[in-house]
Amino acid sequence: MCFGLGDILLADIVKEFKEEIRKLKAMIVKHENRIRALESTIKEREEATNLPDISSTISALDMGPDEV
């Protein structure tokens, strides 16, 4: 089987893209784990101090001035 220069370049590009996708997937997993840890910390603190649910506070803060 004979590969031309274009085929080799395309194969290298595909290899680079696959590596970049692998790195991005790893970064996403890392951030998802970090988010879950932060959410559980917030939940533990809310339960310990009996504070209202933070999601209702956040949704109230997201309202524009004409939505009050």
PDB file of N, CA and C in Angstrom:
ATOM      1  N   MET A   1       0.853  -1.175   0.000  1.00  0.00           N
ATOM      2  CA  MET A   1       0.000   0.000   0.000  1.00  0.00           C
ATOM      3  C   MET A   1       0.897   1.236   0.000  1.00  0.00           C
ATOM      4  N   CYS A   2       0.629   2.140  -0.882  1.00  0.00           N
ATOM      5  CA  CYS A   2       1.472   3.318  -1.043  1.00  0.00           C
ATOM      6  C   CYS A   2       0.732   4.539  -0.513  1.00  0.00           C
ATOM      7  N   PHE A   3       1.386   5.253   0.392  1.00  0.00           N
ATOM      8  CA  PHE A   3       0.804   6.470   0.943  1.00  0.00           C
ATOM      9  C   PHE A   3       1.528   7.663   0.349  1.00  0.00           C
ATOM     10  N   GLY A   4       0.774   8.633  -0.062  1.00  0.00           N
ATOM     11  CA  GLY A   4       1.374   9.850  -0.575  1.00  0.00           C
ATOM     12  C   GLY A   4       1.664  10.808   0.564  1.00  0.00           C
ATOM     13  N   LEU A   5       2.363  11.868   0.248  1.00  0.00           N
ATOM     14  CA  LEU A   5       2.720  12.877   1.250  1.00  0.00           C
ATOM     15  C   LEU A   5       1.464  13.484   1.873  1.00  0.00           C
ATOM     16  N   GLY A   6       0.436  13.693   1.058  1.00  0.00           N
ATOM     17  CA  GLY A   6      -0.822  14.250   1.565  1.00  0.00           C
ATOM     18  C   GLY A   6      -1.481  13.328   2.565  1.00  0.00           C
ATOM     19  N   ASP A   7      -1.433  12.024   2.299  1.00  0.00           N
ATOM     20  CA  ASP A   7      -2.016  11.051   3.222  1.00  0.00           C
ATOM     21  C   ASP A   7      -1.281  11.055   4.552  1.00  0.00           C
ATOM     22  N   ILE A   8       0.042  11.173   4.502  1.00  0.00           N
ATOM     23  CA  ILE A   8       0.846  11.191   5.738  1.00  0.00           C
ATOM     24  C   ILE A   8       0.533  12.452   6.535  1.00  0.00           C
ATOM     25  N   LEU A   9       0.433  13.583   5.850  1.00  0.00           N
ATOM     26  CA  LEU A   9       0.109  14.837   6.539  1.00  0.00           C
ATOM     27  C   LEU A   9      -1.278  14.774   7.162  1.00  0.00           C
ATOM     28  N   LEU A  10      -2.231  14.228   6.438  1.00  0.00           N
ATOM     29  CA  LEU A  10      -3.582  14.091   6.982  1.00  0.00           C
ATOM     30  C   LEU A  10      -3.594  13.162   8.192  1.00  0.00           C
ATOM     31  N   ALA A  11      -2.846  12.075   8.123  1.00  0.00           N
ATOM     32  CA  ALA A  11      -2.772  11.146   9.243  1.00  0.00           C
ATOM     33  C   ALA A  11      -2.175  11.837  10.470  1.00  0.00           C
ATOM     34  N   ASP A  12      -1.161  12.673  10.255  1.00  0.00           N
ATOM     35  CA  ASP A  12      -0.559  13.415  11.374  1.00  0.00           C
ATOM     36  C   ASP A  12      -1.552  14.403  11.972  1.00  0.00           C
ATOM     37  N   ILE A  13      -2.300  15.067  11.114  1.00  0.00           N
ATOM     38  CA  ILE A  13      -3.291  16.031  11.599  1.00  0.00           C
ATOM     39  C   ILE A  13      -4.367  15.321  12.406  1.00  0.00           C
ATOM     40  N   VAL A  14      -4.843  14.187  11.895  1.00  0.00           N
ATOM     41  CA  VAL A  14      -5.871  13.421  12.610  1.00  0.00           C
ATOM     42  C   VAL A  14      -5.317  12.954  13.952  1.00  0.00           C
ATOM     43  N   LYS A  15      -4.067  12.520  13.972  1.00  0.00           N
ATOM     44  CA  LYS A  15      -3.435  12.067  15.222  1.00  0.00           C
ATOM     45  C   LYS A  15      -3.367  13.219  16.229  1.00  0.00           C
ATOM     46  N   GLU A  16      -2.990  14.415  15.758  1.00  0.00           N
ATOM     47  CA  GLU A  16      -2.926  15.590  16.640  1.00  0.00           C
ATOM     48  C   GLU A  16      -4.316  15.943  17.181  1.00  0.00           C
ATOM     49  N   PHE A  17      -5.330  15.887  16.302  1.00  0.00           N
ATOM     50  CA  PHE A  17      -6.687  16.185  16.748  1.00  0.00           C
ATOM     51  C   PHE A  17      -7.160  15.189  17.793  1.00  0.00           C
ATOM     52  N   LYS A  18      -6.868  13.916  17.573  1.00  0.00           N
ATOM     53  CA  LYS A  18      -7.268  12.898  18.539  1.00  0.00           C
ATOM     54  C   LYS A  18      -6.596  13.140  19.885  1.00  0.00           C
ATOM     55  N   GLU A  19      -5.335  13.511  19.873  1.00  0.00           N
ATOM     56  CA  GLU A  19      -4.620  13.802  21.118  1.00  0.00           C
ATOM     57  C   GLU A  19      -5.225  15.028  21.819  1.00  0.00           C
ATOM     58  N   GLU A  20      -5.544  16.043  21.041  1.00  0.00           N
ATOM     59  CA  GLU A  20      -6.142  17.253  21.616  1.00  0.00           C
ATOM     60  C   GLU A  20      -7.519  16.942  22.208  1.00  0.00           C
ATOM     61  N   ILE A  21      -8.304  16.132  21.530  1.00  0.00           N
ATOM     62  CA  ILE A  21      -9.621  15.737  22.041  1.00  0.00           C
ATOM     63  C   ILE A  21      -9.466  14.954  23.334  1.00  0.00           C
ATOM     64  N   ARG A  22      -8.479  14.070  23.391  1.00  0.00           N
ATOM     65  CA  ARG A  22      -8.230  13.294  24.611  1.00  0.00           C
ATOM     66  C   ARG A  22      -7.896  14.229  25.771  1.00  0.00           C
ATOM     67  N   LYS A  23      -7.054  15.224  25.519  1.00  0.00           N
ATOM     68  CA  LYS A  23      -6.687  16.189  26.572  1.00  0.00           C
ATOM     69  C   LYS A  23      -7.900  16.988  27.033  1.00  0.00           C
ATOM     70  N   LEU A  24      -8.733  17.421  26.081  1.00  0.00           N
ATOM     71  CA  LEU A  24      -9.920  18.203  26.441  1.00  0.00           C
ATOM     72  C   LEU A  24     -10.914  17.372  27.241  1.00  0.00           C
ATOM     73  N   LYS A  25     -11.081  16.112  26.862  1.00  0.00           N
ATOM     74  CA  LYS A  25     -11.973  15.231  27.629  1.00  0.00           C
ATOM     75  C   LYS A  25     -11.465  15.069  29.056  1.00  0.00           C
ATOM     76  N   ALA A  26     -10.154  14.901  29.213  1.00  0.00           N
ATOM     77  CA  ALA A  26      -9.581  14.774  30.556  1.00  0.00           C
ATOM     78  C   ALA A  26      -9.815  16.049  31.362  1.00  0.00           C
ATOM     79  N   MET A  27      -9.691  17.198  30.715  1.00  0.00           N
ATOM     80  CA  MET A  27      -9.914  18.468  31.409  1.00  0.00           C
ATOM     81  C   MET A  27     -11.371  18.597  31.837  1.00  0.00           C
ATOM     82  N   ILE A  28     -12.286  18.174  30.977  1.00  0.00           N
ATOM     83  CA  ILE A  28     -13.710  18.234  31.313  1.00  0.00           C
ATOM     84  C   ILE A  28     -14.018  17.354  32.520  1.00  0.00           C
ATOM     85  N   VAL A  29     -13.475  16.142  32.528  1.00  0.00           N
ATOM     86  CA  VAL A  29     -13.692  15.239  33.658  1.00  0.00           C
ATOM     87  C   VAL A  29     -13.141  15.850  34.938  1.00  0.00           C
ATOM     88  N   LYS A  30     -11.966  16.450  34.850  1.00  0.00           N
ATOM     89  CA  LYS A  30     -11.359  17.087  36.022  1.00  0.00           C
ATOM     90  C   LYS A  30     -12.254  18.204  36.553  1.00  0.00           C
ATOM     91  N   HIS A  31     -12.778  19.031  35.652  1.00  0.00           N
ATOM     92  CA  HIS A  31     -13.648  20.132  36.079  1.00  0.00           C
ATOM     93  C   HIS A  31     -14.977  19.612  36.623  1.00  0.00           C
ATOM     94  N   GLU A  32     -15.521  18.568  36.021  1.00  0.00           N
ATOM     95  CA  GLU A  32     -16.761  17.984  36.539  1.00  0.00           C
ATOM     96  C   GLU A  32     -16.565  17.475  37.965  1.00  0.00           C
ATOM     97  N   ASN A  33     -15.448  16.809  38.210  1.00  0.00           N
ATOM     98  CA  ASN A  33     -15.157  16.316  39.562  1.00  0.00           C
ATOM     99  C   ASN A  33     -15.004  17.467  40.538  1.00  0.00           C
ATOM    100  N   ARG A  34     -14.348  18.528  40.101  1.00  0.00           N
ATOM    101  CA  ARG A  34     -14.164  19.705  40.957  1.00  0.00           C
ATOM    102  C   ARG A  34     -15.520  20.346  41.278  1.00  0.00           C
ATOM    103  N   ILE A  35     -16.380  20.452  40.284  1.00  0.00           N
ATOM    104  CA  ILE A  35     -17.707  21.033  40.491  1.00  0.00           C
ATOM    105  C   ILE A  35     -18.513  20.191  41.477  1.00  0.00           C
ATOM    106  N   ARG A  36     -18.486  18.861  41.307  1.00  0.00           N
ATOM    107  CA  ARG A  36     -19.221  17.986  42.231  1.00  0.00           C
ATOM    108  C   ARG A  36     -18.703  18.143  43.659  1.00  0.00           C
ATOM    109  N   ALA A  37     -17.391  18.241  43.818  1.00  0.00           N
ATOM    110  CA  ALA A  37     -16.815  18.406  45.156  1.00  0.00           C
ATOM    111  C   ALA A  37     -17.267  19.731  45.763  1.00  0.00           C
ATOM    112  N   LEU A  38     -17.266  20.796  44.973  1.00  0.00           N
ATOM    113  CA  LEU A  38     -17.707  22.095  45.475  1.00  0.00           C
ATOM    114  C   LEU A  38     -19.192  22.082  45.824  1.00  0.00           C
ATOM    115  N   GLU A  39     -20.002  21.423  44.983  1.00  0.00           N
ATOM    116  CA  GLU A  39     -21.426  21.334  45.273  1.00  0.00           C
ATOM    117  C   GLU A  39     -21.690  20.567  46.563  1.00  0.00           C
ATOM    118  N   SER A  40     -20.937  19.498  46.791  1.00  0.00           N
ATOM    119  CA  SER A  40     -21.149  18.739  48.022  1.00  0.00           C
ATOM    120  C   SER A  40     -20.687  19.538  49.238  1.00  0.00           C
ATOM    121  N   THR A  41     -19.632  20.320  49.092  1.00  0.00           N
ATOM    122  CA  THR A  41     -19.172  21.178  50.191  1.00  0.00           C
ATOM    123  C   THR A  41     -20.235  22.216  50.522  1.00  0.00           C
ATOM    124  N   ILE A  42     -20.819  22.822  49.494  1.00  0.00           N
ATOM    125  CA  ILE A  42     -21.876  23.813  49.712  1.00  0.00           C
ATOM    126  C   ILE A  42     -23.073  23.160  50.397  1.00  0.00           C
ATOM    127  N   LYS A  43     -23.447  21.982  49.929  1.00  0.00           N
ATOM    128  CA  LYS A  43     -24.591  21.293  50.516  1.00  0.00           C
ATOM    129  C   LYS A  43     -24.337  20.967  51.984  1.00  0.00           C
ATOM    130  N   GLU A  44     -23.126  20.499  52.290  1.00  0.00           N
ATOM    131  CA  GLU A  44     -22.783  20.192  53.686  1.00  0.00           C
ATOM    132  C   GLU A  44     -22.848  21.441  54.556  1.00  0.00           C
ATOM    133  N   ARG A  45     -22.342  22.551  54.039  1.00  0.00           N
ATOM    134  CA  ARG A  45     -22.374  23.800  54.809  1.00  0.00           C
ATOM    135  C   ARG A  45     -23.801  24.286  54.996  1.00  0.00           C
ATOM    136  N   GLU A  46     -24.626  24.160  53.963  1.00  0.00           N
ATOM    137  CA  GLU A  46     -26.021  24.571  54.086  1.00  0.00           C
ATOM    138  C   GLU A  46     -26.745  23.726  55.121  1.00  0.00           C
ATOM    139  N   GLU A  47     -26.491  22.425  55.101  1.00  0.00           N
ATOM    140  CA  GLU A  47     -27.134  21.539  56.072  1.00  0.00           C
ATOM    141  C   GLU A  47     -26.648  21.836  57.484  1.00  0.00           C
ATOM    142  N   ALA A  48     -25.375  22.182  57.622  1.00  0.00           N
ATOM    143  CA  ALA A  48     -24.817  22.456  58.940  1.00  0.00           C
ATOM    144  C   ALA A  48     -25.334  23.775  59.511  1.00  0.00           C
ATOM    145  N   THR A  49     -25.597  24.734  58.654  1.00  0.00           N
ATOM    146  CA  THR A  49     -26.019  26.054  59.128  1.00  0.00           C
ATOM    147  C   THR A  49     -27.493  26.319  58.870  1.00  0.00           C
ATOM    148  N   ASN A  50     -28.198  25.349  58.263  1.00  0.00           N
ATOM    149  CA  ASN A  50     -29.621  25.491  57.946  1.00  0.00           C
ATOM    150  C   ASN A  50     -29.910  26.737  57.118  1.00  0.00           C
ATOM    151  N   LEU A  51     -29.039  27.020  56.147  1.00  0.00           N
ATOM    152  CA  LEU A  51     -29.252  28.142  55.238  1.00  0.00           C
ATOM    153  C   LEU A  51     -30.223  27.722  54.143  1.00  0.00           C
ATOM    154  N   PRO A  52     -30.900  28.691  53.543  1.00  0.00           N
ATOM    155  CA  PRO A  52     -31.783  28.345  52.420  1.00  0.00           C
ATOM    156  C   PRO A  52     -30.959  27.814  51.249  1.00  0.00           C
ATOM    157  N   ASP A  53     -31.619  27.121  50.371  1.00  0.00           N
ATOM    158  CA  ASP A  53     -30.974  26.547  49.198  1.00  0.00           C
ATOM    159  C   ASP A  53     -30.323  27.640  48.359  1.00  0.00           C
ATOM    160  N   ILE A  54     -29.066  27.459  48.015  1.00  0.00           N
ATOM    161  CA  ILE A  54     -28.331  28.485  47.279  1.00  0.00           C
ATOM    162  C   ILE A  54     -28.871  28.671  45.868  1.00  0.00           C
ATOM    163  N   SER A  55     -29.463  27.649  45.276  1.00  0.00           N
ATOM    164  CA  SER A  55     -29.973  27.783  43.910  1.00  0.00           C
ATOM    165  C   SER A  55     -31.083  28.820  43.836  1.00  0.00           C
ATOM    166  N   SER A  56     -31.915  28.928  44.883  1.00  0.00           N
ATOM    167  CA  SER A  56     -32.962  29.945  44.873  1.00  0.00           C
ATOM    168  C   SER A  56     -32.358  31.335  45.006  1.00  0.00           C
ATOM    169  N   THR A  57     -31.281  31.454  45.759  1.00  0.00           N
ATOM    170  CA  THR A  57     -30.585  32.729  45.895  1.00  0.00           C
ATOM    171  C   THR A  57     -29.958  33.128  44.576  1.00  0.00           C
ATOM    172  N   ILE A  58     -29.333  32.171  43.905  1.00  0.00           N
ATOM    173  CA  ILE A  58     -28.683  32.457  42.633  1.00  0.00           C
ATOM    174  C   ILE A  58     -29.717  32.856  41.591  1.00  0.00           C
ATOM    175  N   SER A  59     -30.837  32.156  41.526  1.00  0.00           N
ATOM    176  CA  SER A  59     -31.859  32.495  40.529  1.00  0.00           C
ATOM    177  C   SER A  59     -32.428  33.882  40.794  1.00  0.00           C
ATOM    178  N   ALA A  60     -32.526  34.282  42.047  1.00  0.00           N
ATOM    179  CA  ALA A  60     -33.007  35.626  42.366  1.00  0.00           C
ATOM    180  C   ALA A  60     -31.996  36.678  41.923  1.00  0.00           C
ATOM    181  N   LEU A  61     -30.708  36.347  42.027  1.00  0.00           N
ATOM    182  CA  LEU A  61     -29.677  37.292  41.614  1.00  0.00           C
ATOM    183  C   LEU A  61     -29.594  37.413  40.097  1.00  0.00           C
ATOM    184  N   ASP A  62     -30.015  36.385  39.370  1.00  0.00           N
ATOM    185  CA  ASP A  62     -29.955  36.397  37.914  1.00  0.00           C
ATOM    186  C   ASP A  62     -31.056  37.226  37.290  1.00  0.00           C
ATOM    187  N   MET A  63     -32.005  37.681  38.085  1.00  0.00           N
ATOM    188  CA  MET A  63     -33.117  38.437  37.549  1.00  0.00           C
ATOM    189  C   MET A  63     -32.655  39.842  37.176  1.00  0.00           C
ATOM    190  N   GLY A  64     -33.148  40.327  36.075  1.00  0.00           N
ATOM    191  CA  GLY A  64     -32.840  41.682  35.645  1.00  0.00           C
ATOM    192  C   GLY A  64     -33.650  42.667  36.451  1.00  0.00           C
ATOM    193  N   PRO A  65     -33.324  43.948  36.369  1.00  0.00           N
ATOM    194  CA  PRO A  65     -34.028  44.970  37.166  1.00  0.00           C
ATOM    195  C   PRO A  65     -35.503  45.069  36.830  1.00  0.00           C
ATOM    196  N   ASP A  66     -35.891  44.739  35.606  1.00  0.00           N
ATOM    197  CA  ASP A  66     -37.296  44.823  35.242  1.00  0.00           C
ATOM    198  C   ASP A  66     -38.074  43.562  35.608  1.00  0.00           C
ATOM    199  N   GLU A  67     -37.388  42.562  36.166  1.00  0.00           N
ATOM    200  CA  GLU A  67     -38.036  41.306  36.529  1.00  0.00           C
ATOM    201  C   GLU A  67     -38.350  41.205  38.017  1.00  0.00           C
ATOM    202  N   VAL A  68     -38.055  42.244  38.767  1.00  0.00           N
ATOM    203  CA  VAL A  68     -38.253  42.223  40.205  1.00  0.00           C
ATOM    204  C   VAL A  68     -39.687  42.361  40.552  1.00  0.00           C
TER     205      VAL A  68
END
